ModelCIF file with pLDDT and N, C-alpha, C, O atoms, coordinates in Angstrom:
data_MODEL
#
_entry.id   MODEL 
#
_entity.id                         1 
_entity.type                       polymer 
_entity.pdbx_number_of_molecules   1 
#
_entity_poly.entity_id                      1 
_entity_poly.type                           'polypeptide(L)' 
_entity_poly.nstd_linkage                   no 
_entity_poly.nstd_monomer                   no 
_entity_poly.pdbx_seq_one_letter_code       LAQREPETLRKWDQIHAREVMVDASGSRGVYVL 
_entity_poly.pdbx_seq_one_letter_code_can   LAQREPETLRKWDQIHAREVMVDASGSRGVYVL 
_entity_poly.pdbx_strand_id                 A 
#
loop_
_entity_poly_seq.entity_id 
_entity_poly_seq.num 
_entity_poly_seq.mon_id 
_entity_poly_seq.hetero 
1 1  LEU n 
1 2  ALA n 
1 3  GLN n 
1 4  ARG n 
1 5  GLU n 
1 6  PRO n 
1 7  GLU n 
1 8  THR n 
1 9  LEU n 
1 10 ARG n 
1 11 LYS n 
1 12 TRP n 
1 13 ASP n 
1 14 GLN n 
1 15 ILE n 
1 16 HIS n 
1 17 ALA n 
1 18 ARG n 
1 19 GLU n 
1 20 VAL n 
1 21 MET n 
1 22 VAL n 
1 23 ASP n 
1 24 ALA n 
1 25 SER n 
1 26 GLY n 
1 27 SER n 
1 28 ARG n 
1 29 GLY n 
1 30 VAL n 
1 31 TYR n 
1 32 VAL n 
1 33 LEU n 
#
_struct_asym.id          A 
_struct_asym.entity_id   1 
#
loop_
_ma_qa_metric.id 
_ma_qa_metric.mode 
_ma_qa_metric.name 
_ma_qa_metric.software_group_id 
_ma_qa_metric.type 
1 global pLDDT . pLDDT 
2 local  pLDDT . pLDDT 
#
_ma_qa_metric_global.metric_id      1 
_ma_qa_metric_global.metric_value   93.09 
_ma_qa_metric_global.model_id       1 
_ma_qa_metric_global.ordinal_id     1 
#
loop_
_ma_qa_metric_local.label_asym_id 
_ma_qa_metric_local.label_comp_id 
_ma_qa_metric_local.label_seq_id 
_ma_qa_metric_local.metric_id 
_ma_qa_metric_local.metric_value 
_ma_qa_metric_local.model_id 
_ma_qa_metric_local.ordinal_id 
A LEU 1  2 88.00 1 1  
A ALA 2  2 89.00 1 2  
A GLN 3  2 90.00 1 3  
A ARG 4  2 90.00 1 4  
A GLU 5  2 92.00 1 5  
A PRO 6  2 93.00 1 6  
A GLU 7  2 93.00 1 7  
A THR 8  2 93.00 1 8  
A LEU 9  2 94.00 1 9  
A ARG 10 2 94.00 1 10 
A LYS 11 2 95.00 1 11 
A TRP 12 2 94.00 1 12 
A ASP 13 2 92.00 1 13 
A GLN 14 2 95.00 1 14 
A ILE 15 2 95.00 1 15 
A HIS 16 2 93.00 1 16 
A ALA 17 2 93.00 1 17 
A ARG 18 2 93.00 1 18 
A GLU 19 2 94.00 1 19 
A VAL 20 2 94.00 1 20 
A MET 21 2 92.00 1 21 
A VAL 22 2 92.00 1 22 
A ASP 23 2 93.00 1 23 
A ALA 24 2 92.00 1 24 
A SER 25 2 92.00 1 25 
A GLY 26 2 90.00 1 26 
A SER 27 2 93.00 1 27 
A ARG 28 2 95.00 1 28 
A GLY 29 2 95.00 1 29 
A VAL 30 2 96.00 1 30 
A TYR 31 2 96.00 1 31 
A VAL 32 2 96.00 1 32 
A LEU 33 2 96.00 1 33 
#
loop_
_atom_site.group_PDB 
_atom_site.id 
_atom_site.type_symbol 
_atom_site.label_atom_id 
_atom_site.label_alt_id 
_atom_site.label_comp_id 
_atom_site.label_asym_id 
_atom_site.label_entity_id 
_atom_site.label_seq_id 
_atom_site.pdbx_PDB_ins_code 
_atom_site.Cartn_x 
_atom_site.Cartn_y 
_atom_site.Cartn_z 
_atom_site.occupancy 
_atom_site.B_iso_or_equiv 
_atom_site.pdbx_formal_charge 
_atom_site.auth_seq_id 
_atom_site.auth_comp_id 
_atom_site.auth_asym_id 
_atom_site.auth_atom_id 
_atom_site.pdbx_PDB_model_num 
ATOM 1   N N  . LEU A 1 1  ? 6.530   5.552  -18.155 1.00 88.00 ? 1  LEU A N  1 
ATOM 2   C CA . LEU A 1 1  ? 5.707   4.766  -17.234 1.00 88.00 ? 1  LEU A CA 1 
ATOM 3   C C  . LEU A 1 1  ? 5.831   3.266  -17.441 1.00 88.00 ? 1  LEU A C  1 
ATOM 4   O O  . LEU A 1 1  ? 5.704   2.499  -16.487 1.00 88.00 ? 1  LEU A O  1 
ATOM 5   N N  . ALA A 1 2  ? 6.074   2.844  -18.655 1.00 89.00 ? 2  ALA A N  1 
ATOM 6   C CA . ALA A 1 2  ? 6.171   1.399  -18.919 1.00 89.00 ? 2  ALA A CA 1 
ATOM 7   C C  . ALA A 1 2  ? 7.244   0.741  -18.052 1.00 89.00 ? 2  ALA A C  1 
ATOM 8   O O  . ALA A 1 2  ? 7.112   -0.416 -17.653 1.00 89.00 ? 2  ALA A O  1 
ATOM 9   N N  . GLN A 1 3  ? 8.326   1.506  -17.763 1.00 90.00 ? 3  GLN A N  1 
ATOM 10  C CA . GLN A 1 3  ? 9.389   0.976  -16.901 1.00 90.00 ? 3  GLN A CA 1 
ATOM 11  C C  . GLN A 1 3  ? 9.181   1.381  -15.442 1.00 90.00 ? 3  GLN A C  1 
ATOM 12  O O  . GLN A 1 3  ? 9.412   0.581  -14.535 1.00 90.00 ? 3  GLN A O  1 
ATOM 13  N N  . ARG A 1 4  ? 8.744   2.629  -15.216 1.00 90.00 ? 4  ARG A N  1 
ATOM 14  C CA . ARG A 1 4  ? 8.678   3.137  -13.852 1.00 90.00 ? 4  ARG A CA 1 
ATOM 15  C C  . ARG A 1 4  ? 7.513   2.569  -13.041 1.00 90.00 ? 4  ARG A C  1 
ATOM 16  O O  . ARG A 1 4  ? 7.641   2.357  -11.835 1.00 90.00 ? 4  ARG A O  1 
ATOM 17  N N  . GLU A 1 5  ? 6.388   2.323  -13.695 1.00 92.00 ? 5  GLU A N  1 
ATOM 18  C CA . GLU A 1 5  ? 5.245   1.799  -12.933 1.00 92.00 ? 5  GLU A CA 1 
ATOM 19  C C  . GLU A 1 5  ? 5.554   0.441  -12.313 1.00 92.00 ? 5  GLU A C  1 
ATOM 20  O O  . GLU A 1 5  ? 5.303   0.260  -11.122 1.00 92.00 ? 5  GLU A O  1 
ATOM 21  N N  . PRO A 1 6  ? 6.090   -0.531 -13.071 1.00 93.00 ? 6  PRO A N  1 
ATOM 22  C CA . PRO A 1 6  ? 6.435   -1.814 -12.437 1.00 93.00 ? 6  PRO A CA 1 
ATOM 23  C C  . PRO A 1 6  ? 7.430   -1.645 -11.278 1.00 93.00 ? 6  PRO A C  1 
ATOM 24  O O  . PRO A 1 6  ? 7.346   -2.362 -10.281 1.00 93.00 ? 6  PRO A O  1 
ATOM 25  N N  . GLU A 1 7  ? 8.381   -0.688 -11.412 1.00 93.00 ? 7  GLU A N  1 
ATOM 26  C CA . GLU A 1 7  ? 9.326   -0.444 -10.322 1.00 93.00 ? 7  GLU A CA 1 
ATOM 27  C C  . GLU A 1 7  ? 8.598   0.038  -9.073  1.00 93.00 ? 7  GLU A C  1 
ATOM 28  O O  . GLU A 1 7  ? 8.887   -0.406 -7.962  1.00 93.00 ? 7  GLU A O  1 
ATOM 29  N N  . THR A 1 8  ? 7.644   0.961  -9.272  1.00 93.00 ? 8  THR A N  1 
ATOM 30  C CA . THR A 1 8  ? 6.870   1.475  -8.137  1.00 93.00 ? 8  THR A CA 1 
ATOM 31  C C  . THR A 1 8  ? 6.066   0.369  -7.478  1.00 93.00 ? 8  THR A C  1 
ATOM 32  O O  . THR A 1 8  ? 6.016   0.280  -6.251  1.00 93.00 ? 8  THR A O  1 
ATOM 33  N N  . LEU A 1 9  ? 5.432   -0.482 -8.294  1.00 94.00 ? 9  LEU A N  1 
ATOM 34  C CA . LEU A 1 9  ? 4.632   -1.575 -7.749  1.00 94.00 ? 9  LEU A CA 1 
ATOM 35  C C  . LEU A 1 9  ? 5.492   -2.566 -6.973  1.00 94.00 ? 9  LEU A C  1 
ATOM 36  O O  . LEU A 1 9  ? 5.072   -3.089 -5.941  1.00 94.00 ? 9  LEU A O  1 
ATOM 37  N N  . ARG A 1 10 ? 6.722   -2.825 -7.485  1.00 94.00 ? 10 ARG A N  1 
ATOM 38  C CA . ARG A 1 10 ? 7.640   -3.721 -6.765  1.00 94.00 ? 10 ARG A CA 1 
ATOM 39  C C  . ARG A 1 10 ? 8.030   -3.113 -5.418  1.00 94.00 ? 10 ARG A C  1 
ATOM 40  O O  . ARG A 1 10 ? 8.126   -3.815 -4.412  1.00 94.00 ? 10 ARG A O  1 
ATOM 41  N N  . LYS A 1 11 ? 8.255   -1.794 -5.414  1.00 95.00 ? 11 LYS A N  1 
ATOM 42  C CA . LYS A 1 11 ? 8.624   -1.123 -4.167  1.00 95.00 ? 11 LYS A CA 1 
ATOM 43  C C  . LYS A 1 11 ? 7.477   -1.207 -3.162  1.00 95.00 ? 11 LYS A C  1 
ATOM 44  O O  . LYS A 1 11 ? 7.702   -1.488 -1.984  1.00 95.00 ? 11 LYS A O  1 
ATOM 45  N N  . TRP A 1 12 ? 6.253   -0.966 -3.621  1.00 94.00 ? 12 TRP A N  1 
ATOM 46  C CA . TRP A 1 12 ? 5.098   -1.075 -2.726  1.00 94.00 ? 12 TRP A CA 1 
ATOM 47  C C  . TRP A 1 12 ? 5.009   -2.480 -2.137  1.00 94.00 ? 12 TRP A C  1 
ATOM 48  O O  . TRP A 1 12 ? 4.667   -2.650 -0.966  1.00 94.00 ? 12 TRP A O  1 
ATOM 49  N N  . ASP A 1 13 ? 5.317   -3.480 -2.950  1.00 92.00 ? 13 ASP A N  1 
ATOM 50  C CA . ASP A 1 13 ? 5.254   -4.862 -2.494  1.00 92.00 ? 13 ASP A CA 1 
ATOM 51  C C  . ASP A 1 13 ? 6.344   -5.135 -1.454  1.00 92.00 ? 13 ASP A C  1 
ATOM 52  O O  . ASP A 1 13 ? 6.103   -5.807 -0.452  1.00 92.00 ? 13 ASP A O  1 
ATOM 53  N N  . GLN A 1 14 ? 7.533   -4.609 -1.703  1.00 95.00 ? 14 GLN A N  1 
ATOM 54  C CA . GLN A 1 14 ? 8.664   -4.842 -0.799  1.00 95.00 ? 14 GLN A CA 1 
ATOM 55  C C  . GLN A 1 14 ? 8.446   -4.195 0.569   1.00 95.00 ? 14 GLN A C  1 
ATOM 56  O O  . GLN A 1 14 ? 8.804   -4.765 1.600   1.00 95.00 ? 14 GLN A O  1 
ATOM 57  N N  . ILE A 1 15 ? 7.860   -3.009 0.566   1.00 95.00 ? 15 ILE A N  1 
ATOM 58  C CA . ILE A 1 15 ? 7.665   -2.307 1.845   1.00 95.00 ? 15 ILE A CA 1 
ATOM 59  C C  . ILE A 1 15 ? 6.299   -2.642 2.465   1.00 95.00 ? 15 ILE A C  1 
ATOM 60  O O  . ILE A 1 15 ? 5.920   -2.071 3.488   1.00 95.00 ? 15 ILE A O  1 
ATOM 61  N N  . HIS A 1 16 ? 5.567   -3.568 1.839   1.00 93.00 ? 16 HIS A N  1 
ATOM 62  C CA . HIS A 1 16 ? 4.239   -3.977 2.325   1.00 93.00 ? 16 HIS A CA 1 
ATOM 63  C C  . HIS A 1 16 ? 3.333   -2.760 2.494   1.00 93.00 ? 16 HIS A C  1 
ATOM 64  O O  . HIS A 1 16 ? 2.780   -2.523 3.568   1.00 93.00 ? 16 HIS A O  1 
ATOM 65  N N  . ALA A 1 17 ? 3.195   -1.995 1.413   1.00 93.00 ? 17 ALA A N  1 
ATOM 66  C CA . ALA A 1 17 ? 2.472   -0.726 1.462   1.00 93.00 ? 17 ALA A CA 1 
ATOM 67  C C  . ALA A 1 17 ? 1.025   -0.901 1.919   1.00 93.00 ? 17 ALA A C  1 
ATOM 68  O O  . ALA A 1 17 ? 0.502   -0.052 2.640   1.00 93.00 ? 17 ALA A O  1 
ATOM 69  N N  . ARG A 1 18 ? 0.375   -1.984 1.512   1.00 93.00 ? 18 ARG A N  1 
ATOM 70  C CA . ARG A 1 18 ? -1.025  -2.177 1.908   1.00 93.00 ? 18 ARG A CA 1 
ATOM 71  C C  . ARG A 1 18 ? -1.151  -2.310 3.412   1.00 93.00 ? 18 ARG A C  1 
ATOM 72  O O  . ARG A 1 18 ? -1.995  -1.659 4.029   1.00 93.00 ? 18 ARG A O  1 
ATOM 73  N N  . GLU A 1 19 ? -0.298  -3.168 4.017   1.00 94.00 ? 19 GLU A N  1 
ATOM 74  C CA . GLU A 1 19 ? -0.366  -3.374 5.454   1.00 94.00 ? 19 GLU A CA 1 
ATOM 75  C C  . GLU A 1 19 ? -0.003  -2.094 6.217   1.00 94.00 ? 19 GLU A C  1 
ATOM 76  O O  . GLU A 1 19 ? -0.616  -1.767 7.232   1.00 94.00 ? 19 GLU A O  1 
ATOM 77  N N  . VAL A 1 20 ? 1.001   -1.381 5.709   1.00 94.00 ? 20 VAL A N  1 
ATOM 78  C CA . VAL A 1 20 ? 1.402   -0.117 6.350   1.00 94.00 ? 20 VAL A CA 1 
ATOM 79  C C  . VAL A 1 20 ? 0.263   0.891  6.293   1.00 94.00 ? 20 VAL A C  1 
ATOM 80  O O  . VAL A 1 20 ? -0.009  1.591  7.268   1.00 94.00 ? 20 VAL A O  1 
ATOM 81  N N  . MET A 1 21 ? -0.405  0.957  5.130   1.00 92.00 ? 21 MET A N  1 
ATOM 82  C CA . MET A 1 21 ? -1.518  1.883  4.950   1.00 92.00 ? 21 MET A CA 1 
ATOM 83  C C  . MET A 1 21 ? -2.635  1.590  5.951   1.00 92.00 ? 21 MET A C  1 
ATOM 84  O O  . MET A 1 21 ? -3.174  2.507  6.571   1.00 92.00 ? 21 MET A O  1 
ATOM 85  N N  . VAL A 1 22 ? -2.981  0.310  6.107   1.00 92.00 ? 22 VAL A N  1 
ATOM 86  C CA . VAL A 1 22 ? -4.054  -0.068 7.023   1.00 92.00 ? 22 VAL A CA 1 
ATOM 87  C C  . VAL A 1 22 ? -3.650  0.206  8.469   1.00 92.00 ? 22 VAL A C  1 
ATOM 88  O O  . VAL A 1 22 ? -4.442  0.736  9.248   1.00 92.00 ? 22 VAL A O  1 
ATOM 89  N N  . ASP A 1 23 ? -2.407  -0.160 8.829   1.00 93.00 ? 23 ASP A N  1 
ATOM 90  C CA . ASP A 1 23 ? -1.946  0.013  10.210  1.00 93.00 ? 23 ASP A CA 1 
ATOM 91  C C  . ASP A 1 23 ? -1.843  1.480  10.605  1.00 93.00 ? 23 ASP A C  1 
ATOM 92  O O  . ASP A 1 23 ? -1.964  1.823  11.781  1.00 93.00 ? 23 ASP A O  1 
ATOM 93  N N  . ALA A 1 24 ? -1.619  2.343  9.617   1.00 92.00 ? 24 ALA A N  1 
ATOM 94  C CA . ALA A 1 24 ? -1.443  3.763  9.903   1.00 92.00 ? 24 ALA A CA 1 
ATOM 95  C C  . ALA A 1 24 ? -2.764  4.476  10.151  1.00 92.00 ? 24 ALA A C  1 
ATOM 96  O O  . ALA A 1 24 ? -2.776  5.643  10.544  1.00 92.00 ? 24 ALA A O  1 
ATOM 97  N N  . SER A 1 25 ? -3.869  3.788  9.926   1.00 92.00 ? 25 SER A N  1 
ATOM 98  C CA . SER A 1 25 ? -5.175  4.407  10.099  1.00 92.00 ? 25 SER A CA 1 
ATOM 99  C C  . SER A 1 25 ? -6.006  3.564  11.050  1.00 92.00 ? 25 SER A C  1 
ATOM 100 O O  . SER A 1 25 ? -5.486  2.637  11.671  1.00 92.00 ? 25 SER A O  1 
ATOM 101 N N  . GLY A 1 26 ? -7.271  3.868  11.172  1.00 90.00 ? 26 GLY A N  1 
ATOM 102 C CA . GLY A 1 26 ? -8.150  3.059  12.002  1.00 90.00 ? 26 GLY A CA 1 
ATOM 103 C C  . GLY A 1 26 ? -8.758  3.790  13.180  1.00 90.00 ? 26 GLY A C  1 
ATOM 104 O O  . GLY A 1 26 ? -9.492  3.189  13.965  1.00 90.00 ? 26 GLY A O  1 
ATOM 105 N N  . SER A 1 27 ? -8.470  5.076  13.320  1.00 93.00 ? 27 SER A N  1 
ATOM 106 C CA . SER A 1 27 ? -9.012  5.825  14.453  1.00 93.00 ? 27 SER A CA 1 
ATOM 107 C C  . SER A 1 27 ? -10.535 5.926  14.395  1.00 93.00 ? 27 SER A C  1 
ATOM 108 O O  . SER A 1 27 ? -11.193 6.091  15.422  1.00 93.00 ? 27 SER A O  1 
ATOM 109 N N  . ARG A 1 28 ? -11.081 5.825  13.202  1.00 95.00 ? 28 ARG A N  1 
ATOM 110 C CA . ARG A 1 28 ? -12.541 5.945  13.033  1.00 95.00 ? 28 ARG A CA 1 
ATOM 111 C C  . ARG A 1 28 ? -13.208 4.590  12.799  1.00 95.00 ? 28 ARG A C  1 
ATOM 112 O O  . ARG A 1 28 ? -14.398 4.533  12.491  1.00 95.00 ? 28 ARG A O  1 
ATOM 113 N N  . GLY A 1 29 ? -12.453 3.504  12.943  1.00 95.00 ? 29 GLY A N  1 
ATOM 114 C CA . GLY A 1 29 ? -13.042 2.186  12.780  1.00 95.00 ? 29 GLY A CA 1 
ATOM 115 C C  . GLY A 1 29 ? -12.479 1.430  11.588  1.00 95.00 ? 29 GLY A C  1 
ATOM 116 O O  . GLY A 1 29 ? -11.406 1.752  11.077  1.00 95.00 ? 29 GLY A O  1 
ATOM 117 N N  . VAL A 1 30 ? -13.222 0.419  11.156  1.00 96.00 ? 30 VAL A N  1 
ATOM 118 C CA . VAL A 1 30 ? -12.755 -0.493 10.101  1.00 96.00 ? 30 VAL A CA 1 
ATOM 119 C C  . VAL A 1 30 ? -13.689 -0.394 8.894   1.00 96.00 ? 30 VAL A C  1 
ATOM 120 O O  . VAL A 1 30 ? -14.903 -0.258 9.046   1.00 96.00 ? 30 VAL A O  1 
ATOM 121 N N  . TYR A 1 31 ? -13.113 -0.465 7.701   1.00 96.00 ? 31 TYR A N  1 
ATOM 122 C CA . TYR A 1 31 ? -13.890 -0.463 6.458   1.00 96.00 ? 31 TYR A CA 1 
ATOM 123 C C  . TYR A 1 31 ? -13.365 -1.597 5.595   1.00 96.00 ? 31 TYR A C  1 
ATOM 124 O O  . TYR A 1 31 ? -12.181 -1.626 5.262   1.00 96.00 ? 31 TYR A O  1 
ATOM 125 N N  . VAL A 1 32 ? -14.237 -2.536 5.228   1.00 96.00 ? 32 VAL A N  1 
ATOM 126 C CA . VAL A 1 32 ? -13.832 -3.666 4.388   1.00 96.00 ? 32 VAL A CA 1 
ATOM 127 C C  . VAL A 1 32 ? -14.686 -3.675 3.127   1.00 96.00 ? 32 VAL A C  1 
ATOM 128 O O  . VAL A 1 32 ? -15.914 -3.651 3.208   1.00 96.00 ? 32 VAL A O  1 
ATOM 129 N N  . LEU A 1 33 ? -14.046 -3.709 1.965   1.00 96.00 ? 33 LEU A N  1 
ATOM 130 C CA . LEU A 1 33 ? -14.758 -3.810 0.694   1.00 96.00 ? 33 LEU A CA 1 
ATOM 131 C C  . LEU A 1 33 ? -14.535 -5.209 0.126   1.00 96.00 ? 33 LEU A C  1 
ATOM 132 O O  . LEU A 1 33 ? -15.044 -5.527 -0.948  1.00 96.00 ? 33 LEU A O  1 
#
């Protein structure tokens, strides 16, 4: 994990995982924390 976790996090950053996750949902409205 010491090597693989940073690789996974870099991949999430490259593919903009947060924005993709938000855009893929929303049928029931918006939730902001």
